[in-house]
PDB file of N, CA and C in Angstrom:
ATOM      1  N   MET A   1      -2.154 -49.668   9.021  1.00  0.00           N
ATOM      2  CA  MET A   1      -1.347 -51.019   8.973  1.00  0.00           C
ATOM      3  C   MET A   1      -0.511 -50.886   7.870  1.00  0.00           C
ATOM      4  N   PRO A   2       0.682 -51.523   8.134  1.00  0.00           N
ATOM      5  CA  PRO A   2       1.718 -51.896   6.814  1.00  0.00           C
ATOM      6  C   PRO A   2       1.129 -53.096   5.881  1.00  0.00           C
ATOM      7  N   ILE A   3       1.618 -52.818   4.870  1.00  0.00           N
ATOM      8  CA  ILE A   3       1.578 -53.840   3.593  1.00  0.00           C
ATOM      9  C   ILE A   3       2.851 -54.695   3.688  1.00  0.00           C
ATOM     10  N   TYR A   4       2.653 -55.794   3.559  1.00  0.00           N
ATOM     11  CA  TYR A   4       3.831 -56.912   3.597  1.00  0.00           C
ATOM     12  C   TYR A   4       3.577 -57.497   2.267  1.00  0.00           C
ATOM     13  N   GLU A   5       4.828 -57.836   1.465  1.00  0.00           N
ATOM     14  CA  GLU A   5       5.050 -58.453   0.167  1.00  0.00           C
ATOM     15  C   GLU A   5       5.539 -60.172   0.438  1.00  0.00           C
ATOM     16  N   TYR A   6       4.863 -61.042  -0.220  1.00  0.00           N
ATOM     17  CA  TYR A   6       5.118 -62.306   0.122  1.00  0.00           C
ATOM     18  C   TYR A   6       5.221 -62.764  -1.493  1.00  0.00           C
ATOM     19  N   GLN A   7       6.115 -64.195  -1.523  1.00  0.00           N
ATOM     20  CA  GLN A   7       6.159 -64.661  -2.567  1.00  0.00           C
ATOM     21  C   GLN A   7       6.225 -66.206  -2.620  1.00  0.00           C
ATOM     22  N   CYS A   8       5.477 -67.083  -3.388  1.00  0.00           N
ATOM     23  CA  CYS A   8       5.345 -68.483  -2.986  1.00  0.00           C
ATOM     24  C   CYS A   8       6.683 -69.143  -3.747  1.00  0.00           C
ATOM     25  N   SER A   9       6.851 -69.975  -3.007  1.00  0.00           N
ATOM     26  CA  SER A   9       8.165 -71.071  -3.168  1.00  0.00           C
ATOM     27  C   SER A   9       8.042 -71.963  -4.385  1.00  0.00           C
ATOM     28  N   ASN A  10       6.310 -72.310  -4.418  1.00  0.00           N
ATOM     29  CA  ASN A  10       6.048 -73.366  -5.571  1.00  0.00           C
ATOM     30  C   ASN A  10       5.878 -72.542  -6.819  1.00  0.00           C
ATOM     31  N   CYS A  11       4.697 -71.690  -6.932  1.00  0.00           N
ATOM     32  CA  CYS A  11       4.279 -71.286  -8.080  1.00  0.00           C
ATOM     33  C   CYS A  11       4.860 -69.938  -8.482  1.00  0.00           C
ATOM     34  N   GLY A  12       5.596 -69.262  -7.710  1.00  0.00           N
ATOM     35  CA  GLY A  12       6.196 -67.807  -7.825  1.00  0.00           C
ATOM     36  C   GLY A  12       5.251 -66.850  -7.630  1.00  0.00           C
ATOM     37  N   ASN A  13       4.060 -66.914  -7.441  1.00  0.00           N
ATOM     38  CA  ASN A  13       3.041 -66.021  -7.275  1.00  0.00           C
ATOM     39  C   ASN A  13       3.416 -64.769  -6.256  1.00  0.00           C
ATOM     40  N   LYS A  14       3.604 -63.604  -6.455  1.00  0.00           N
ATOM     41  CA  LYS A  14       4.130 -62.537  -5.660  1.00  0.00           C
ATOM     42  C   LYS A  14       2.771 -61.891  -5.181  1.00  0.00           C
ATOM     43  N   PHE A  15       2.299 -61.546  -3.743  1.00  0.00           N
ATOM     44  CA  PHE A  15       1.189 -60.810  -3.474  1.00  0.00           C
ATOM     45  C   PHE A  15       1.407 -60.038  -2.114  1.00  0.00           C
ATOM     46  N   GLU A  16       0.616 -59.045  -1.804  1.00  0.00           N
ATOM     47  CA  GLU A  16       0.769 -58.221  -0.869  1.00  0.00           C
ATOM     48  C   GLU A  16      -0.013 -58.508   0.277  1.00  0.00           C
ATOM     49  N   LEU A  17      -0.066 -58.320   1.435  1.00  0.00           N
ATOM     50  CA  LEU A  17      -1.083 -58.347   2.572  1.00  0.00           C
ATOM     51  C   LEU A  17      -0.815 -57.300   3.503  1.00  0.00           C
ATOM     52  N   ARG A  18      -2.293 -56.780   3.827  1.00  0.00           N
ATOM     53  CA  ARG A  18      -2.099 -55.732   4.710  1.00  0.00           C
ATOM     54  C   ARG A  18      -2.444 -56.349   6.068  1.00  0.00           C
ATOM     55  N   GLN A  19      -1.416 -56.061   7.104  1.00  0.00           N
ATOM     56  CA  GLN A  19      -1.475 -56.687   8.135  1.00  0.00           C
ATOM     57  C   GLN A  19      -0.948 -55.839   9.314  1.00  0.00           C
ATOM     58  N   LYS A  20      -1.575 -56.407  10.532  1.00  0.00           N
ATOM     59  CA  LYS A  20      -1.058 -55.390  11.683  1.00  0.00           C
ATOM     60  C   LYS A  20       0.428 -55.939  12.119  1.00  0.00           C
ATOM     61  N   PHE A  21       1.147 -55.190  12.970  1.00  0.00           N
ATOM     62  CA  PHE A  21       2.378 -55.548  13.396  1.00  0.00           C
ATOM     63  C   PHE A  21       2.587 -56.868  14.270  1.00  0.00           C
ATOM     64  N   SER A  22       1.128 -56.842  15.008  1.00  0.00           N
ATOM     65  CA  SER A  22       0.958 -57.995  15.996  1.00  0.00           C
ATOM     66  C   SER A  22       0.535 -58.977  15.217  1.00  0.00           C
ATOM     67  N   ASP A  23       0.174 -59.258  14.031  1.00  0.00           N
ATOM     68  CA  ASP A  23      -0.493 -60.528  13.155  1.00  0.00           C
ATOM     69  C   ASP A  23       0.937 -61.236  12.828  1.00  0.00           C
ATOM     70  N   GLU A  24       0.542 -62.784  12.898  1.00  0.00           N
ATOM     71  CA  GLU A  24       1.418 -63.839  12.537  1.00  0.00           C
ATOM     72  C   GLU A  24       1.532 -63.448  11.073  1.00  0.00           C
ATOM     73  N   PRO A  25       2.782 -63.820  10.690  1.00  0.00           N
ATOM     74  CA  PRO A  25       3.099 -63.645   9.225  1.00  0.00           C
ATOM     75  C   PRO A  25       2.180 -64.793   8.424  1.00  0.00           C
ATOM     76  N   ALA A  26       1.783 -64.643   7.112  1.00  0.00           N
ATOM     77  CA  ALA A  26       1.235 -65.267   6.267  1.00  0.00           C
ATOM     78  C   ALA A  26       2.037 -66.922   6.037  1.00  0.00           C
ATOM     79  N   LYS A  27       1.553 -67.736   5.952  1.00  0.00           N
ATOM     80  CA  LYS A  27       2.320 -69.131   5.643  1.00  0.00           C
ATOM     81  C   LYS A  27       2.029 -69.637   4.402  1.00  0.00           C
ATOM     82  N   GLU A  28       0.751 -69.592   3.506  1.00  0.00           N
ATOM     83  CA  GLU A  28       0.800 -70.513   2.625  1.00  0.00           C
ATOM     84  C   GLU A  28       0.161 -69.557   1.429  1.00  0.00           C
ATOM     85  N   CYS A  29       0.478 -69.677   0.340  1.00  0.00           N
ATOM     86  CA  CYS A  29      -0.176 -69.203  -1.033  1.00  0.00           C
ATOM     87  C   CYS A  29      -1.554 -69.108  -1.122  1.00  0.00           C
ATOM     88  N   PRO A  30      -2.231 -67.754  -1.496  1.00  0.00           N
ATOM     89  CA  PRO A  30      -3.554 -68.218  -1.728  1.00  0.00           C
ATOM     90  C   PRO A  30      -4.207 -68.809  -2.877  1.00  0.00           C
ATOM     91  N   LYS A  31      -3.027 -68.983  -3.936  1.00  0.00           N
ATOM     92  CA  LYS A  31      -3.474 -69.634  -5.147  1.00  0.00           C
ATOM     93  C   LYS A  31      -3.168 -71.143  -5.141  1.00  0.00           C
ATOM     94  N   CYS A  32      -2.134 -71.661  -4.581  1.00  0.00           N
ATOM     95  CA  CYS A  32      -1.948 -73.032  -4.601  1.00  0.00           C
ATOM     96  C   CYS A  32      -1.184 -73.720  -3.156  1.00  0.00           C
ATOM     97  N   SER A  33      -1.681 -72.759  -1.968  1.00  0.00           N
ATOM     98  CA  SER A  33      -1.171 -73.111  -0.800  1.00  0.00           C
ATOM     99  C   SER A  33      -0.124 -73.763  -0.330  1.00  0.00           C
ATOM    100  N   GLY A  34       0.909 -73.287  -1.431  1.00  0.00           N
ATOM    101  CA  GLY A  34       2.195 -73.748  -1.317  1.00  0.00           C
ATOM    102  C   GLY A  34       2.907 -72.738  -0.048  1.00  0.00           C
ATOM    103  N   PRO A  35       4.228 -73.040   0.313  1.00  0.00           N
ATOM    104  CA  PRO A  35       4.999 -72.379   1.213  1.00  0.00           C
ATOM    105  C   PRO A  35       5.333 -70.999   0.723  1.00  0.00           C
ATOM    106  N   ILE A  36       5.213 -69.735   1.629  1.00  0.00           N
ATOM    107  CA  ILE A  36       5.501 -68.617   1.077  1.00  0.00           C
ATOM    108  C   ILE A  36       6.590 -67.853   2.075  1.00  0.00           C
ATOM    109  N   GLN A  37       7.475 -67.176   1.468  1.00  0.00           N
ATOM    110  CA  GLN A  37       8.234 -66.143   1.999  1.00  0.00           C
ATOM    111  C   GLN A  37       7.929 -64.782   2.005  1.00  0.00           C
ATOM    112  N   LYS A  38       8.166 -64.015   3.189  1.00  0.00           N
ATOM    113  CA  LYS A  38       8.146 -62.342   3.221  1.00  0.00           C
ATOM    114  C   LYS A  38       9.197 -62.099   2.343  1.00  0.00           C
ATOM    115  N   LEU A  39       9.032 -61.039   1.692  1.00  0.00           N
ATOM    116  CA  LEU A  39       9.919 -60.459   0.780  1.00  0.00           C
ATOM    117  C   LEU A  39      10.340 -59.224   1.462  1.00  0.00           C
ATOM    118  N   ILE A  40      11.463 -58.454   1.061  1.00  0.00           N
ATOM    119  CA  ILE A  40      12.043 -57.185   1.787  1.00  0.00           C
ATOM    120  C   ILE A  40      11.810 -56.242   0.375  1.00  0.00           C
ATOM    121  N   SER A  41      10.868 -55.542   0.682  1.00  0.00           N
ATOM    122  CA  SER A  41      10.677 -54.550  -0.502  1.00  0.00           C
ATOM    123  C   SER A  41      10.951 -52.979  -0.057  1.00  0.00           C
ATOM    124  N   GLN A  42      10.944 -52.132  -1.062  1.00  0.00           N
ATOM    125  CA  GLN A  42      11.710 -50.856  -1.023  1.00  0.00           C
ATOM    126  C   GLN A  42      10.359 -49.728  -0.498  1.00  0.00           C
ATOM    127  N   THR A  43      10.912 -49.119   0.608  1.00  0.00           N
ATOM    128  CA  THR A  43       9.828 -48.146   1.186  1.00  0.00           C
ATOM    129  C   THR A  43       9.656 -47.374   0.466  1.00  0.00           C
ATOM    130  N   SER A  44       8.225 -46.524   0.799  1.00  0.00           N
ATOM    131  CA  SER A  44       7.820 -45.460   0.186  1.00  0.00           C
ATOM    132  C   SER A  44       8.316 -44.247   1.061  1.00  0.00           C
ATOM    133  N   PHE A  45       9.088 -44.459   1.895  1.00  0.00           N
ATOM    134  CA  PHE A  45       9.348 -43.335   2.860  1.00  0.00           C
ATOM    135  C   PHE A  45      10.406 -42.596   2.566  1.00  0.00           C
ATOM    136  N   ALA A  46      10.545 -41.239   2.334  1.00  0.00           N
ATOM    137  CA  ALA A  46      11.543 -40.391   1.824  1.00  0.00           C
ATOM    138  C   ALA A  46      11.349 -38.950   2.565  1.00  0.00           C
ATOM    139  N   LEU A  47      12.867 -38.788   2.834  1.00  0.00           N
ATOM    140  CA  LEU A  47      12.713 -37.280   3.566  1.00  0.00           C
ATOM    141  C   LEU A  47      13.014 -36.308   2.446  1.00  0.00           C
ATOM    142  N   LYS A  48      12.518 -35.265   2.517  1.00  0.00           N
ATOM    143  CA  LYS A  48      12.761 -34.240   1.364  1.00  0.00           C
ATOM    144  C   LYS A  48      12.858 -32.797   2.082  1.00  0.00           C
ATOM    145  N   GLY A  49      13.418 -32.036   1.552  1.00  0.00           N
ATOM    146  CA  GLY A  49      13.532 -30.544   1.994  1.00  0.00           C
ATOM    147  C   GLY A  49      14.666 -30.419   2.851  1.00  0.00           C
ATOM    148  N   SER A  50      14.777 -29.315   3.492  1.00  0.00           N
ATOM    149  CA  SER A  50      16.211 -28.893   4.547  1.00  0.00           C
ATOM    150  C   SER A  50      16.132 -29.766   5.514  1.00  0.00           C
ATOM    151  N   GLY A  51      15.148 -29.825   6.275  1.00  0.00           N
ATOM    152  CA  GLY A  51      14.649 -30.499   7.474  1.00  0.00           C
ATOM    153  C   GLY A  51      15.873 -30.015   8.618  1.00  0.00           C
ATOM    154  N   TRP A  52      15.641 -30.684   9.968  1.00  0.00           N
ATOM    155  CA  TRP A  52      16.509 -30.157  11.136  1.00  0.00           C
ATOM    156  C   TRP A  52      17.725 -30.475  11.065  1.00  0.00           C
ATOM    157  N   TYR A  53      18.498 -31.546  10.076  1.00  0.00           N
ATOM    158  CA  TYR A  53      19.956 -31.833   9.878  1.00  0.00           C
ATOM    159  C   TYR A  53      20.419 -30.428   9.321  1.00  0.00           C
ATOM    160  N   THR A  54      19.983 -30.043   8.360  1.00  0.00           N
ATOM    161  CA  THR A  54      20.352 -28.992   7.598  1.00  0.00           C
ATOM    162  C   THR A  54      20.463 -27.608   8.385  1.00  0.00           C
ATOM    163  N   GLU A  55      19.285 -27.359   8.986  1.00  0.00           N
ATOM    164  CA  GLU A  55      18.909 -26.082   9.570  1.00  0.00           C
ATOM    165  C   GLU A  55      19.598 -26.076  10.923  1.00  0.00           C
ATOM    166  N   GLY A  56      19.919 -26.917  11.484  1.00  0.00           N
ATOM    167  CA  GLY A  56      20.545 -26.867  12.793  1.00  0.00           C
ATOM    168  C   GLY A  56      21.714 -27.624  13.440  1.00  0.00           C
ATOM    169  N   TYR A  57      21.386 -28.959  12.883  1.00  0.00           N
ATOM    170  CA  TYR A  57      22.738 -29.996  13.407  1.00  0.00           C
ATOM    171  C   TYR A  57      23.808 -30.095  12.626  1.00  0.00           C
ATOM    172  N   ALA A  58      23.789 -29.966  11.312  1.00  0.00           N
ATOM    173  CA  ALA A  58      24.768 -29.903  10.441  1.00  0.00           C
ATOM    174  C   ALA A  58      25.707 -28.387  10.554  1.00  0.00           C
ATOM    175  N   LYS A  59      25.130 -27.472  11.191  1.00  0.00           N
ATOM    176  CA  LYS A  59      25.776 -26.297  10.872  1.00  0.00           C
ATOM    177  C   LYS A  59      27.237 -26.081  11.982  1.00  0.00           C
ATOM    178  N   SER A  60      27.926 -25.198  12.097  1.00  0.00           N
ATOM    179  CA  SER A  60      29.176 -25.005  13.020  1.00  0.00           C
ATOM    180  C   SER A  60      28.460 -25.041  14.462  1.00  0.00           C
ATOM    181  N   SER A  61      29.541 -25.740  15.395  1.00  0.00           N
ATOM    182  CA  SER A  61      29.225 -26.251  16.558  1.00  0.00           C
ATOM    183  C   SER A  61      29.541 -24.994  17.594  1.00  0.00           C
ATOM    184  N   THR A  62      29.988 -23.939  16.983  1.00  0.00           N
ATOM    185  CA  THR A  62      30.382 -22.852  17.846  1.00  0.00           C
ATOM    186  C   THR A  62      29.030 -22.256  18.158  1.00  0.00           C
ATOM    187  N   PRO A  63      29.060 -21.934  19.649  1.00  0.00           N
ATOM    188  CA  PRO A  63      27.695 -21.528  20.158  1.00  0.00           C
ATOM    189  C   PRO A  63      27.632 -19.890  19.761  1.00  0.00           C
ATOM    190  N   LYS A  64      26.479 -19.270  19.500  1.00  0.00           N
ATOM    191  CA  LYS A  64      26.339 -17.780  19.271  1.00  0.00           C
ATOM    192  C   LYS A  64      26.478 -17.221  20.617  1.00  0.00           C
ATOM    193  N   THR A  65      27.157 -16.496  20.787  1.00  0.00           N
ATOM    194  CA  THR A  65      27.407 -15.596  22.230  1.00  0.00           C
ATOM    195  C   THR A  65      27.569 -14.046  21.694  1.00  0.00           C
ATOM    196  N   PRO A  66      27.181 -13.391  22.700  1.00  0.00           N
ATOM    197  CA  PRO A  66      27.252 -11.754  22.361  1.00  0.00           C
ATOM    198  C   PRO A  66      28.505 -11.468  22.298  1.00  0.00           C
ATOM    199  N   GLN A  67      28.874 -10.194  21.543  1.00  0.00           N
ATOM    200  CA  GLN A  67      29.835  -9.694  21.133  1.00  0.00           C
ATOM    201  C   GLN A  67      30.559  -8.963  22.540  1.00  0.00           C
ATOM    202  N   SER A  68      29.698  -8.669  23.493  1.00  0.00           N
ATOM    203  CA  SER A  68      30.298  -8.072  24.398  1.00  0.00           C
ATOM    204  C   SER A  68      29.353  -8.466  25.668  1.00  0.00           C
ATOM    205  N   CYS A  69      29.759  -8.631  26.768  1.00  0.00           N
ATOM    206  CA  CYS A  69      28.980  -9.221  27.992  1.00  0.00           C
ATOM    207  C   CYS A  69      28.490  -8.019  28.625  1.00  0.00           C
ATOM    208  N   PRO A  70      27.116  -8.094  29.162  1.00  0.00           N
ATOM    209  CA  PRO A  70      26.170  -6.888  29.698  1.00  0.00           C
ATOM    210  C   PRO A  70      26.764  -6.663  31.168  1.00  0.00           C
ATOM    211  N   LYS A  71      27.436  -7.819  31.812  1.00  0.00           N
ATOM    212  CA  LYS A  71      27.854  -7.621  33.225  1.00  0.00           C
ATOM    213  C   LYS A  71      29.480  -7.858  33.322  1.00  0.00           C
ATOM    214  N   ASP A  72      30.242  -7.443  32.188  1.00  0.00           N
ATOM    215  CA  ASP A  72      31.446  -7.487  32.311  1.00  0.00           C
ATOM    216  C   ASP A  72      32.337  -8.857  32.499  1.00  0.00           C
ATOM    217  N   GLY A  73      31.570  -9.698  32.322  1.00  0.00           N
ATOM    218  CA  GLY A  73      32.386 -11.186  32.768  1.00  0.00           C
ATOM    219  C   GLY A  73      31.982 -11.646  33.794  1.00  0.00           C
ATOM    220  N   ALA A  74      30.972 -11.056  34.628  1.00  0.00           N
ATOM    221  CA  ALA A  74      30.612 -11.585  35.924  1.00  0.00           C
ATOM    222  C   ALA A  74      29.519 -12.487  36.154  1.00  0.00           C
ATOM    223  N   CYS A  75      28.690 -12.501  34.837  1.00  0.00           N
ATOM    224  CA  CYS A  75      27.743 -13.943  34.779  1.00  0.00           C
ATOM    225  C   CYS A  75      28.314 -15.285  34.639  1.00  0.00           C
ATOM    226  N   ALA A  76      27.539 -16.090  35.262  1.00  0.00           N
ATOM    227  CA  ALA A  76      28.157 -17.802  35.261  1.00  0.00           C
ATOM    228  C   ALA A  76      28.062 -18.085  34.007  1.00  0.00           C
ATOM    229  N   GLY A  77      29.207 -18.984  33.569  1.00  0.00           N
ATOM    230  CA  GLY A  77      29.639 -19.410  32.168  1.00  0.00           C
ATOM    231  C   GLY A  77      29.433 -18.399  30.909  1.00  0.00           C
ATOM    232  N   CYS A  78      29.990 -17.156  31.405  1.00  0.00           N
ATOM    233  CA  CYS A  78      30.392 -16.232  30.597  1.00  0.00           C
ATOM    234  C   CYS A  78      31.607 -16.535  29.559  1.00  0.00           C
ATOM    235  N   PRO A  79      31.746 -16.261  28.419  1.00  0.00           N
ATOM    236  CA  PRO A  79      33.311 -16.705  27.647  1.00  0.00           C
ATOM    237  C   PRO A  79      33.983 -15.625  28.117  1.00  0.00           C
ATOM    238  N   SER A  80      33.409 -14.545  28.529  1.00  0.00           N
ATOM    239  CA  SER A  80      34.447 -13.552  28.858  1.00  0.00           C
ATOM    240  C   SER A  80      35.214 -13.661  30.148  1.00  0.00           C
ATOM    241  N   ALA A  81      34.472 -14.366  31.075  1.00  0.00           N
ATOM    242  CA  ALA A  81      34.942 -14.603  32.432  1.00  0.00           C
ATOM    243  C   ALA A  81      35.994 -15.865  32.532  1.00  0.00           C
ATOM    244  N   ALA A  82      35.885 -16.787  31.290  1.00  0.00           N
ATOM    245  CA  ALA A  82      36.915 -17.591  31.165  1.00  0.00           C
ATOM    246  C   ALA A  82      38.402 -17.212  30.711  1.00  0.00           C
ATOM    247  N   ALA A  83      38.405 -15.868  29.992  1.00  0.00           N
ATOM    248  CA  ALA A  83      39.582 -15.572  29.218  1.00  0.00           C
ATOM    249  C   ALA A  83      40.114 -14.834  30.379  1.00  0.00           C
TER     250      ALA A  83
END
């Protein structure tokens, strides 16, 4: 379950609540029962390492084709047939 951060408009109390995605947002401060606002906080999610983008997506878009066609250009989609 995600943890949401809230701040009270009256007393300035900042607190966190663990809630389901389907739960209604909290509406009052646990200290003073004043109105609260949900804060946008920094996530702890980070992508590290080379990953799929570096290993495949970001490389040259030229397809790897064999240097010579085993069927002398007679296969469907062969780059030698287009030449």
